[in-house]
């Protein structure tokens, strides 16, 4: 990651957008972020946000259902999700 990308991620994305809880709470924010990351087939980032979703209080079963829904959207759009972990893969890290 380039220095400017790191700065934008830390100060703009996580600083201005994701830290403002006036409209979306932690769970709602995690739903938006998880689906946006997962649909891009990003392995590491999906793992981070699967853990984050569990840590803000979403049950293992609900996270699995959410992941299945994202996979259905991806299949409909012709997007292949072959790199992302399952919630069971990260459960020991929660």
PDB file of N, CA and C in Angstrom:
ATOM      1  N   UNK A   1       0.852  -1.171   0.000  1.00  0.00           N
ATOM      2  CA  UNK A   1       0.000   0.000   0.000  1.00  0.00           C
ATOM      3  C   UNK A   1       0.897   1.233   0.000  1.00  0.00           C
ATOM      4  N   UNK A   2       0.576   2.170  -0.843  1.00  0.00           N
ATOM      5  CA  UNK A   2       1.339   3.407  -0.911  1.00  0.00           C
ATOM      6  C   UNK A   2       1.038   4.290   0.298  1.00  0.00           C
ATOM      7  N   UNK A   3       1.948   5.172   0.684  1.00  0.00           N
ATOM      8  CA  UNK A   3       1.717   6.031   1.849  1.00  0.00           C
ATOM      9  C   UNK A   3       0.415   6.830   1.759  1.00  0.00           C
ATOM     10  N   UNK A   4       0.092   7.352   0.581  1.00  0.00           N
ATOM     11  CA  UNK A   4      -1.146   8.122   0.451  1.00  0.00           C
ATOM     12  C   UNK A   4      -2.367   7.229   0.642  1.00  0.00           C
ATOM     13  N   UNK A   5      -2.328   6.005   0.129  1.00  0.00           N
ATOM     14  CA  UNK A   5      -3.438   5.073   0.317  1.00  0.00           C
ATOM     15  C   UNK A   5      -3.626   4.739   1.794  1.00  0.00           C
ATOM     16  N   UNK A   6      -2.533   4.532   2.486  1.00  0.00           N
ATOM     17  CA  UNK A   6      -2.606   4.239   3.918  1.00  0.00           C
ATOM     18  C   UNK A   6      -3.213   5.418   4.674  1.00  0.00           C
ATOM     19  N   UNK A   7      -2.801   6.618   4.321  1.00  0.00           N
ATOM     20  CA  UNK A   7      -3.331   7.811   4.979  1.00  0.00           C
ATOM     21  C   UNK A   7      -4.829   7.960   4.711  1.00  0.00           C
ATOM     22  N   UNK A   8      -5.237   7.768   3.462  1.00  0.00           N
ATOM     23  CA  UNK A   8      -6.663   7.879   3.110  1.00  0.00           C
ATOM     24  C   UNK A   8      -7.470   6.828   3.864  1.00  0.00           C
ATOM     25  N   UNK A   9      -6.957   5.605   3.906  1.00  0.00           N
ATOM     26  CA  UNK A   9      -7.676   4.532   4.605  1.00  0.00           C
ATOM     27  C   UNK A   9      -7.838   4.852   6.092  1.00  0.00           C
ATOM     28  N   UNK A  10      -6.758   5.264   6.728  1.00  0.00           N
ATOM     29  CA  UNK A  10      -6.802   5.519   8.169  1.00  0.00           C
ATOM     30  C   UNK A  10      -7.569   6.781   8.524  1.00  0.00           C
ATOM     31  N   UNK A  11      -7.372   7.841   7.777  1.00  0.00           N
ATOM     32  CA  UNK A  11      -7.928   9.132   8.165  1.00  0.00           C
ATOM     33  C   UNK A  11      -9.258   9.478   7.519  1.00  0.00           C
ATOM     34  N   UNK A  12      -9.497   8.998   6.340  1.00  0.00           N
ATOM     35  CA  UNK A  12     -10.751   9.318   5.653  1.00  0.00           C
ATOM     36  C   UNK A  12     -11.752   8.179   5.831  1.00  0.00           C
ATOM     37  N   UNK A  13     -11.421   7.001   5.321  1.00  0.00           N
ATOM     38  CA  UNK A  13     -12.370   5.895   5.380  1.00  0.00           C
ATOM     39  C   UNK A  13     -12.708   5.522   6.818  1.00  0.00           C
ATOM     40  N   UNK A  14     -11.696   5.180   7.609  1.00  0.00           N
ATOM     41  CA  UNK A  14     -11.959   4.771   8.989  1.00  0.00           C
ATOM     42  C   UNK A  14     -12.180   5.966   9.903  1.00  0.00           C
ATOM     43  N   UNK A  15     -11.570   7.078   9.597  1.00  0.00           N
ATOM     44  CA  UNK A  15     -11.698   8.251  10.461  1.00  0.00           C
ATOM     45  C   UNK A  15     -13.009   8.989  10.288  1.00  0.00           C
ATOM     46  N   UNK A  16     -13.299   9.438   9.071  1.00  0.00           N
ATOM     47  CA  UNK A  16     -14.500  10.244   8.849  1.00  0.00           C
ATOM     48  C   UNK A  16     -15.762   9.421   8.660  1.00  0.00           C
ATOM     49  N   UNK A  17     -15.672   8.363   7.875  1.00  0.00           N
ATOM     50  CA  UNK A  17     -16.883   7.635   7.506  1.00  0.00           C
ATOM     51  C   UNK A  17     -17.280   6.568   8.511  1.00  0.00           C
ATOM     52  N   UNK A  18     -16.384   5.669   8.818  1.00  0.00           N
ATOM     53  CA  UNK A  18     -16.755   4.514   9.613  1.00  0.00           C
ATOM     54  C   UNK A  18     -16.789   4.789  11.113  1.00  0.00           C
ATOM     55  N   UNK A  19     -16.222   5.882  11.548  1.00  0.00           N
ATOM     56  CA  UNK A  19     -16.253   6.176  12.979  1.00  0.00           C
ATOM     57  C   UNK A  19     -17.480   6.995  13.371  1.00  0.00           C
ATOM     58  N   UNK A  20     -18.209   7.517  12.407  1.00  0.00           N
ATOM     59  CA  UNK A  20     -19.408   8.321  12.697  1.00  0.00           C
ATOM     60  C   UNK A  20     -20.589   7.392  12.908  1.00  0.00           C
ATOM     61  N   UNK A  21     -21.073   7.302  14.139  1.00  0.00           N
ATOM     62  CA  UNK A  21     -22.163   6.386  14.474  1.00  0.00           C
ATOM     63  C   UNK A  21     -23.498   7.102  14.672  1.00  0.00           C
ATOM     64  N   UNK A  22     -23.624   8.284  14.097  1.00  0.00           N
ATOM     65  CA  UNK A  22     -24.877   9.029  14.231  1.00  0.00           C
ATOM     66  C   UNK A  22     -25.987   8.433  13.383  1.00  0.00           C
ATOM     67  N   UNK A  23     -25.628   7.779  12.285  1.00  0.00           N
ATOM     68  CA  UNK A  23     -26.633   7.210  11.386  1.00  0.00           C
ATOM     69  C   UNK A  23     -26.612   5.689  11.435  1.00  0.00           C
ATOM     70  N   UNK A  24     -25.438   5.099  11.238  1.00  0.00           N
ATOM     71  CA  UNK A  24     -25.299   3.645  11.284  1.00  0.00           C
ATOM     72  C   UNK A  24     -24.563   3.240  12.549  1.00  0.00           C
ATOM     73  N   UNK A  25     -25.106   2.253  13.261  1.00  0.00           N
ATOM     74  CA  UNK A  25     -24.405   1.762  14.441  1.00  0.00           C
ATOM     75  C   UNK A  25     -23.330   0.761  14.000  1.00  0.00           C
ATOM     76  N   UNK A  26     -22.661   0.148  14.957  1.00  0.00           N
ATOM     77  CA  UNK A  26     -21.553  -0.759  14.638  1.00  0.00           C
ATOM     78  C   UNK A  26     -21.995  -1.941  13.780  1.00  0.00           C
ATOM     79  N   UNK A  27     -23.129  -2.517  14.095  1.00  0.00           N
ATOM     80  CA  UNK A  27     -23.604  -3.677  13.333  1.00  0.00           C
ATOM     81  C   UNK A  27     -23.979  -3.269  11.921  1.00  0.00           C
ATOM     82  N   UNK A  28     -24.719  -2.185  11.760  1.00  0.00           N
ATOM     83  CA  UNK A  28     -25.095  -1.726  10.416  1.00  0.00           C
ATOM     84  C   UNK A  28     -23.864  -1.386   9.581  1.00  0.00           C
ATOM     85  N   UNK A  29     -22.905  -0.719  10.195  1.00  0.00           N
ATOM     86  CA  UNK A  29     -21.668  -0.376   9.489  1.00  0.00           C
ATOM     87  C   UNK A  29     -20.945  -1.637   9.040  1.00  0.00           C
ATOM     88  N   UNK A  30     -20.862  -2.612   9.930  1.00  0.00           N
ATOM     89  CA  UNK A  30     -20.170  -3.857   9.592  1.00  0.00           C
ATOM     90  C   UNK A  30     -20.887  -4.602   8.467  1.00  0.00           C
ATOM     91  N   UNK A  31     -22.213  -4.536   8.411  1.00  0.00           N
ATOM     92  CA  UNK A  31     -22.959  -5.185   7.322  1.00  0.00           C
ATOM     93  C   UNK A  31     -22.608  -4.559   5.969  1.00  0.00           C
ATOM     94  N   UNK A  32     -22.518  -3.241   5.947  1.00  0.00           N
ATOM     95  CA  UNK A  32     -22.181  -2.535   4.708  1.00  0.00           C
ATOM     96  C   UNK A  32     -20.746  -2.856   4.292  1.00  0.00           C
ATOM     97  N   UNK A  33     -19.827  -2.770   5.236  1.00  0.00           N
ATOM     98  CA  UNK A  33     -18.414  -2.990   4.931  1.00  0.00           C
ATOM     99  C   UNK A  33     -18.163  -4.449   4.549  1.00  0.00           C
ATOM    100  N   UNK A  34     -18.711  -5.384   5.320  1.00  0.00           N
ATOM    101  CA  UNK A  34     -18.491  -6.799   5.035  1.00  0.00           C
ATOM    102  C   UNK A  34     -18.981  -7.163   3.638  1.00  0.00           C
ATOM    103  N   UNK A  35     -20.168  -6.737   3.289  1.00  0.00           N
ATOM    104  CA  UNK A  35     -20.686  -7.091   1.964  1.00  0.00           C
ATOM    105  C   UNK A  35     -19.865  -6.436   0.852  1.00  0.00           C
ATOM    106  N   UNK A  36     -19.432  -5.194   1.056  1.00  0.00           N
ATOM    107  CA  UNK A  36     -18.626  -4.505   0.051  1.00  0.00           C
ATOM    108  C   UNK A  36     -17.269  -5.146  -0.150  1.00  0.00           C
ATOM    109  N   UNK A  37     -16.684  -5.641   0.923  1.00  0.00           N
ATOM    110  CA  UNK A  37     -15.371  -6.285   0.842  1.00  0.00           C
ATOM    111  C   UNK A  37     -15.495  -7.706   0.306  1.00  0.00           C
ATOM    112  N   UNK A  38     -16.473  -8.431   0.809  1.00  0.00           N
ATOM    113  CA  UNK A  38     -16.628  -9.826   0.417  1.00  0.00           C
ATOM    114  C   UNK A  38     -16.914  -9.964  -1.079  1.00  0.00           C
ATOM    115  N   UNK A  39     -17.732  -9.086  -1.626  1.00  0.00           N
ATOM    116  CA  UNK A  39     -18.105  -9.176  -3.035  1.00  0.00           C
ATOM    117  C   UNK A  39     -16.905  -8.924  -3.952  1.00  0.00           C
ATOM    118  N   UNK A  40     -15.831  -8.349  -3.395  1.00  0.00           N
ATOM    119  CA  UNK A  40     -14.599  -8.136  -4.157  1.00  0.00           C
ATOM    120  C   UNK A  40     -13.647  -9.329  -4.068  1.00  0.00           C
ATOM    121  N   UNK A  41     -14.073 -10.377  -3.337  1.00  0.00           N
ATOM    122  CA  UNK A  41     -13.283 -11.606  -3.211  1.00  0.00           C
ATOM    123  C   UNK A  41     -11.940 -11.344  -2.532  1.00  0.00           C
ATOM    124  N   UNK A  42     -11.950 -10.475  -1.523  1.00  0.00           N
ATOM    125  CA  UNK A  42     -10.731 -10.108  -0.798  1.00  0.00           C
ATOM    126  C   UNK A  42     -10.580 -11.000   0.437  1.00  0.00           C
ATOM    127  N   UNK A  43      -9.634 -11.909   0.389  1.00  0.00           N
ATOM    128  CA  UNK A  43      -9.476 -12.918   1.444  1.00  0.00           C
ATOM    129  C   UNK A  43      -9.155 -12.317   2.815  1.00  0.00           C
ATOM    130  N   UNK A  44      -8.072 -11.578   2.895  1.00  0.00           N
ATOM    131  CA  UNK A  44      -7.611 -11.068   4.191  1.00  0.00           C
ATOM    132  C   UNK A  44      -8.621 -10.097   4.803  1.00  0.00           C
ATOM    133  N   UNK A  45      -9.102  -9.150   3.993  1.00  0.00           N
ATOM    134  CA  UNK A  45     -10.037  -8.148   4.479  1.00  0.00           C
ATOM    135  C   UNK A  45     -11.371  -8.768   4.879  1.00  0.00           C
ATOM    136  N   UNK A  46     -11.808  -9.794   4.132  1.00  0.00           N
ATOM    137  CA  UNK A  46     -13.037 -10.500   4.504  1.00  0.00           C
ATOM    138  C   UNK A  46     -12.873 -11.156   5.869  1.00  0.00           C
ATOM    139  N   UNK A  47     -11.731 -11.776   6.095  1.00  0.00           N
ATOM    140  CA  UNK A  47     -11.470 -12.385   7.401  1.00  0.00           C
ATOM    141  C   UNK A  47     -11.523 -11.372   8.523  1.00  0.00           C
ATOM    142  N   UNK A  48     -10.912 -10.208   8.295  1.00  0.00           N
ATOM    143  CA  UNK A  48     -10.944  -9.159   9.325  1.00  0.00           C
ATOM    144  C   UNK A  48     -12.381  -8.777   9.660  1.00  0.00           C
ATOM    145  N   UNK A  49     -13.191  -8.604   8.613  1.00  0.00           N
ATOM    146  CA  UNK A  49     -14.546  -8.110   8.854  1.00  0.00           C
ATOM    147  C   UNK A  49     -15.519  -9.210   9.251  1.00  0.00           C
ATOM    148  N   UNK A  50     -15.226 -10.455   8.953  1.00  0.00           N
ATOM    149  CA  UNK A  50     -16.007 -11.542   9.552  1.00  0.00           C
ATOM    150  C   UNK A  50     -15.782 -11.536  11.062  1.00  0.00           C
ATOM    151  N   UNK A  51     -14.532 -11.398  11.487  1.00  0.00           N
ATOM    152  CA  UNK A  51     -14.230 -11.303  12.921  1.00  0.00           C
ATOM    153  C   UNK A  51     -14.894 -10.074  13.531  1.00  0.00           C
ATOM    154  N   UNK A  52     -14.788  -8.953  12.823  1.00  0.00           N
ATOM    155  CA  UNK A  52     -15.407  -7.735  13.337  1.00  0.00           C
ATOM    156  C   UNK A  52     -16.913  -7.877  13.495  1.00  0.00           C
ATOM    157  N   UNK A  53     -17.549  -8.535  12.548  1.00  0.00           N
ATOM    158  CA  UNK A  53     -18.992  -8.744  12.621  1.00  0.00           C
ATOM    159  C   UNK A  53     -19.341  -9.604  13.826  1.00  0.00           C
ATOM    160  N   UNK A  54     -18.569 -10.642  14.062  1.00  0.00           N
ATOM    161  CA  UNK A  54     -18.806 -11.477  15.247  1.00  0.00           C
ATOM    162  C   UNK A  54     -18.552 -10.683  16.523  1.00  0.00           C
ATOM    163  N   UNK A  55     -17.518  -9.848  16.522  1.00  0.00           N
ATOM    164  CA  UNK A  55     -17.147  -9.121  17.740  1.00  0.00           C
ATOM    165  C   UNK A  55     -18.131  -8.020  18.118  1.00  0.00           C
ATOM    166  N   UNK A  56     -18.915  -7.526  17.143  1.00  0.00           N
ATOM    167  CA  UNK A  56     -19.925  -6.514  17.498  1.00  0.00           C
ATOM    168  C   UNK A  56     -21.239  -7.164  17.896  1.00  0.00           C
ATOM    169  N   UNK A  57     -21.268  -8.503  17.953  1.00  0.00           N
ATOM    170  CA  UNK A  57     -22.423  -9.180  18.517  1.00  0.00           C
ATOM    171  C   UNK A  57     -23.304  -9.967  17.566  1.00  0.00           C
ATOM    172  N   UNK A  58     -22.925 -10.084  16.312  1.00  0.00           N
ATOM    173  CA  UNK A  58     -23.722 -10.867  15.373  1.00  0.00           C
ATOM    174  C   UNK A  58     -23.356 -12.338  15.570  1.00  0.00           C
ATOM    175  N   UNK A  59     -24.355 -13.201  15.679  1.00  0.00           N
ATOM    176  CA  UNK A  59     -24.104 -14.616  15.952  1.00  0.00           C
ATOM    177  C   UNK A  59     -23.412 -15.302  14.781  1.00  0.00           C
ATOM    178  N   UNK A  60     -22.748 -16.401  15.089  1.00  0.00           N
ATOM    179  CA  UNK A  60     -22.084 -17.217  14.074  1.00  0.00           C
ATOM    180  C   UNK A  60     -23.080 -17.613  12.986  1.00  0.00           C
ATOM    181  N   UNK A  61     -24.258 -18.051  13.396  1.00  0.00           N
ATOM    182  CA  UNK A  61     -25.277 -18.496  12.438  1.00  0.00           C
ATOM    183  C   UNK A  61     -25.733 -17.354  11.541  1.00  0.00           C
ATOM    184  N   UNK A  62     -25.948 -16.177  12.109  1.00  0.00           N
ATOM    185  CA  UNK A  62     -26.386 -15.030  11.309  1.00  0.00           C
ATOM    186  C   UNK A  62     -25.300 -14.573  10.336  1.00  0.00           C
ATOM    187  N   UNK A  63     -24.048 -14.622  10.760  1.00  0.00           N
ATOM    188  CA  UNK A  63     -22.960 -14.240   9.855  1.00  0.00           C
ATOM    189  C   UNK A  63     -22.898 -15.218   8.685  1.00  0.00           C
ATOM    190  N   UNK A  64     -23.092 -16.492   8.949  1.00  0.00           N
ATOM    191  CA  UNK A  64     -23.092 -17.490   7.870  1.00  0.00           C
ATOM    192  C   UNK A  64     -24.234 -17.215   6.888  1.00  0.00           C
ATOM    193  N   UNK A  65     -25.402 -16.860   7.385  1.00  0.00           N
ATOM    194  CA  UNK A  65     -26.540 -16.540   6.511  1.00  0.00           C
ATOM    195  C   UNK A  65     -26.247 -15.294   5.681  1.00  0.00           C
ATOM    196  N   UNK A  66     -25.648 -14.293   6.312  1.00  0.00           N
ATOM    197  CA  UNK A  66     -25.265 -13.071   5.587  1.00  0.00           C
ATOM    198  C   UNK A  66     -24.286 -13.414   4.473  1.00  0.00           C
ATOM    199  N   UNK A  67     -23.306 -14.262   4.777  1.00  0.00           N
ATOM    200  CA  UNK A  67     -22.326 -14.658   3.773  1.00  0.00           C
ATOM    201  C   UNK A  67     -23.010 -15.401   2.629  1.00  0.00           C
ATOM    202  N   UNK A  68     -23.946 -16.257   2.931  1.00  0.00           N
ATOM    203  CA  UNK A  68     -24.665 -16.977   1.884  1.00  0.00           C
ATOM    204  C   UNK A  68     -25.449 -16.012   0.985  1.00  0.00           C
ATOM    205  N   UNK A  69     -26.029 -14.986   1.576  1.00  0.00           N
ATOM    206  CA  UNK A  69     -26.751 -13.976   0.786  1.00  0.00           C
ATOM    207  C   UNK A  69     -25.804 -13.228  -0.147  1.00  0.00           C
ATOM    208  N   UNK A  70     -24.631 -12.858   0.359  1.00  0.00           N
ATOM    209  CA  UNK A  70     -23.638 -12.172  -0.469  1.00  0.00           C
ATOM    210  C   UNK A  70     -23.196 -13.092  -1.606  1.00  0.00           C
ATOM    211  N   UNK A  71     -23.041 -14.359  -1.323  1.00  0.00           N
ATOM    212  CA  UNK A  71     -22.664 -15.316  -2.366  1.00  0.00           C
ATOM    213  C   UNK A  71     -23.757 -15.444  -3.429  1.00  0.00           C
ATOM    214  N   UNK A  72     -25.023 -15.360  -3.030  1.00  0.00           N
ATOM    215  CA  UNK A  72     -26.117 -15.412  -4.007  1.00  0.00           C
ATOM    216  C   UNK A  72     -26.086 -14.190  -4.919  1.00  0.00           C
ATOM    217  N   UNK A  73     -25.828 -13.023  -4.344  1.00  0.00           N
ATOM    218  CA  UNK A  73     -25.716 -11.806  -5.146  1.00  0.00           C
ATOM    219  C   UNK A  73     -24.538 -11.927  -6.113  1.00  0.00           C
ATOM    220  N   UNK A  74     -23.413 -12.433  -5.616  1.00  0.00           N
ATOM    221  CA  UNK A  74     -22.234 -12.604  -6.469  1.00  0.00           C
ATOM    222  C   UNK A  74     -22.525 -13.560  -7.618  1.00  0.00           C
ATOM    223  N   UNK A  75     -23.188 -14.658  -7.327  1.00  0.00           N
ATOM    224  CA  UNK A  75     -23.510 -15.633  -8.377  1.00  0.00           C
ATOM    225  C   UNK A  75     -24.426 -15.005  -9.421  1.00  0.00           C
ATOM    226  N   UNK A  76     -25.409 -14.244  -8.972  1.00  0.00           N
ATOM    227  CA  UNK A  76     -26.320 -13.572  -9.900  1.00  0.00           C
ATOM    228  C   UNK A  76     -25.565 -12.608 -10.812  1.00  0.00           C
ATOM    229  N   UNK A  77     -24.555 -11.941 -10.247  1.00  0.00           N
ATOM    230  CA  UNK A  77     -23.774 -10.970 -11.010  1.00  0.00           C
ATOM    231  C   UNK A  77     -22.634 -11.611 -11.791  1.00  0.00           C
ATOM    232  N   UNK A  78     -22.458 -12.909 -11.648  1.00  0.00           N
ATOM    233  CA  UNK A  78     -21.381 -13.591 -12.349  1.00  0.00           C
ATOM    234  C   UNK A  78     -20.013 -13.376 -11.721  1.00  0.00           C
ATOM    235  N   UNK A  79     -19.988 -13.041 -10.440  1.00  0.00           N
ATOM    236  CA  UNK A  79     -18.729 -12.812  -9.723  1.00  0.00           C
ATOM    237  C   UNK A  79     -18.354 -14.092  -8.987  1.00  0.00           C
ATOM    238  N   UNK A  80     -17.128 -14.506  -9.147  1.00  0.00           N
ATOM    239  CA  UNK A  80     -16.638 -15.722  -8.492  1.00  0.00           C
ATOM    240  C   UNK A  80     -16.002 -15.376  -7.153  1.00  0.00           C
ATOM    241  N   UNK A  81     -16.484 -15.987  -6.093  1.00  0.00           N
ATOM    242  CA  UNK A  81     -15.917 -15.788  -4.764  1.00  0.00           C
ATOM    243  C   UNK A  81     -15.198 -17.075  -4.364  1.00  0.00           C
ATOM    244  N   UNK A  82     -13.931 -17.144  -4.671  1.00  0.00           N
ATOM    245  CA  UNK A  82     -13.178 -18.362  -4.404  1.00  0.00           C
ATOM    246  C   UNK A  82     -12.032 -18.176  -3.411  1.00  0.00           C
ATOM    247  N   UNK A  83     -11.884 -16.976  -2.880  1.00  0.00           N
ATOM    248  CA  UNK A  83     -10.775 -16.711  -1.959  1.00  0.00           C
ATOM    249  C   UNK A  83     -11.237 -16.449  -0.531  1.00  0.00           C
ATOM    250  N   UNK A  84     -12.481 -16.116  -0.356  1.00  0.00           N
ATOM    251  CA  UNK A  84     -12.930 -15.636   0.959  1.00  0.00           C
ATOM    252  C   UNK A  84     -13.114 -16.776   1.958  1.00  0.00           C
ATOM    253  N   UNK A  85     -12.753 -16.515   3.223  1.00  0.00           N
ATOM    254  CA  UNK A  85     -12.958 -17.526   4.263  1.00  0.00           C
ATOM    255  C   UNK A  85     -14.417 -17.589   4.689  1.00  0.00           C
ATOM    256  N   UNK A  86     -14.770 -18.644   5.364  1.00  0.00           N
ATOM    257  CA  UNK A  86     -16.086 -18.789   5.976  1.00  0.00           C
ATOM    258  C   UNK A  86     -15.982 -18.310   7.416  1.00  0.00           C
ATOM    259  N   UNK A  87     -17.099 -18.032   8.015  1.00  0.00           N
ATOM    260  CA  UNK A  87     -17.089 -17.585   9.409  1.00  0.00           C
ATOM    261  C   UNK A  87     -16.516 -18.689  10.295  1.00  0.00           C
ATOM    262  N   UNK A  88     -16.741 -19.951   9.966  1.00  0.00           N
ATOM    263  CA  UNK A  88     -16.180 -21.054  10.756  1.00  0.00           C
ATOM    264  C   UNK A  88     -14.648 -21.021  10.732  1.00  0.00           C
ATOM    265  N   UNK A  89     -14.062 -20.532   9.662  1.00  0.00           N
ATOM    266  CA  UNK A  89     -12.601 -20.466   9.545  1.00  0.00           C
ATOM    267  C   UNK A  89     -11.971 -19.465  10.508  1.00  0.00           C
ATOM    268  N   UNK A  90     -12.724 -18.452  10.888  1.00  0.00           N
ATOM    269  CA  UNK A  90     -12.159 -17.394  11.745  1.00  0.00           C
ATOM    270  C   UNK A  90     -12.724 -17.441  13.171  1.00  0.00           C
ATOM    271  N   UNK A  91     -13.654 -18.349  13.425  1.00  0.00           N
ATOM    272  CA  UNK A  91     -14.347 -18.360  14.715  1.00  0.00           C
ATOM    273  C   UNK A  91     -13.397 -18.473  15.890  1.00  0.00           C
ATOM    274  N   UNK A  92     -12.324 -19.227  15.751  1.00  0.00           N
ATOM    275  CA  UNK A  92     -11.364 -19.384  16.848  1.00  0.00           C
ATOM    276  C   UNK A  92     -10.611 -18.086  17.163  1.00  0.00           C
ATOM    277  N   UNK A  93     -10.709 -17.095  16.281  1.00  0.00           N
ATOM    278  CA  UNK A  93     -10.023 -15.808  16.484  1.00  0.00           C
ATOM    279  C   UNK A  93     -10.926 -14.746  17.090  1.00  0.00           C
ATOM    280  N   UNK A  94     -12.192 -15.066  17.282  1.00  0.00           N
ATOM    281  CA  UNK A  94     -13.148 -14.065  17.785  1.00  0.00           C
ATOM    282  C   UNK A  94     -12.955 -13.884  19.273  1.00  0.00           C
TER     283      UNK A  94
END
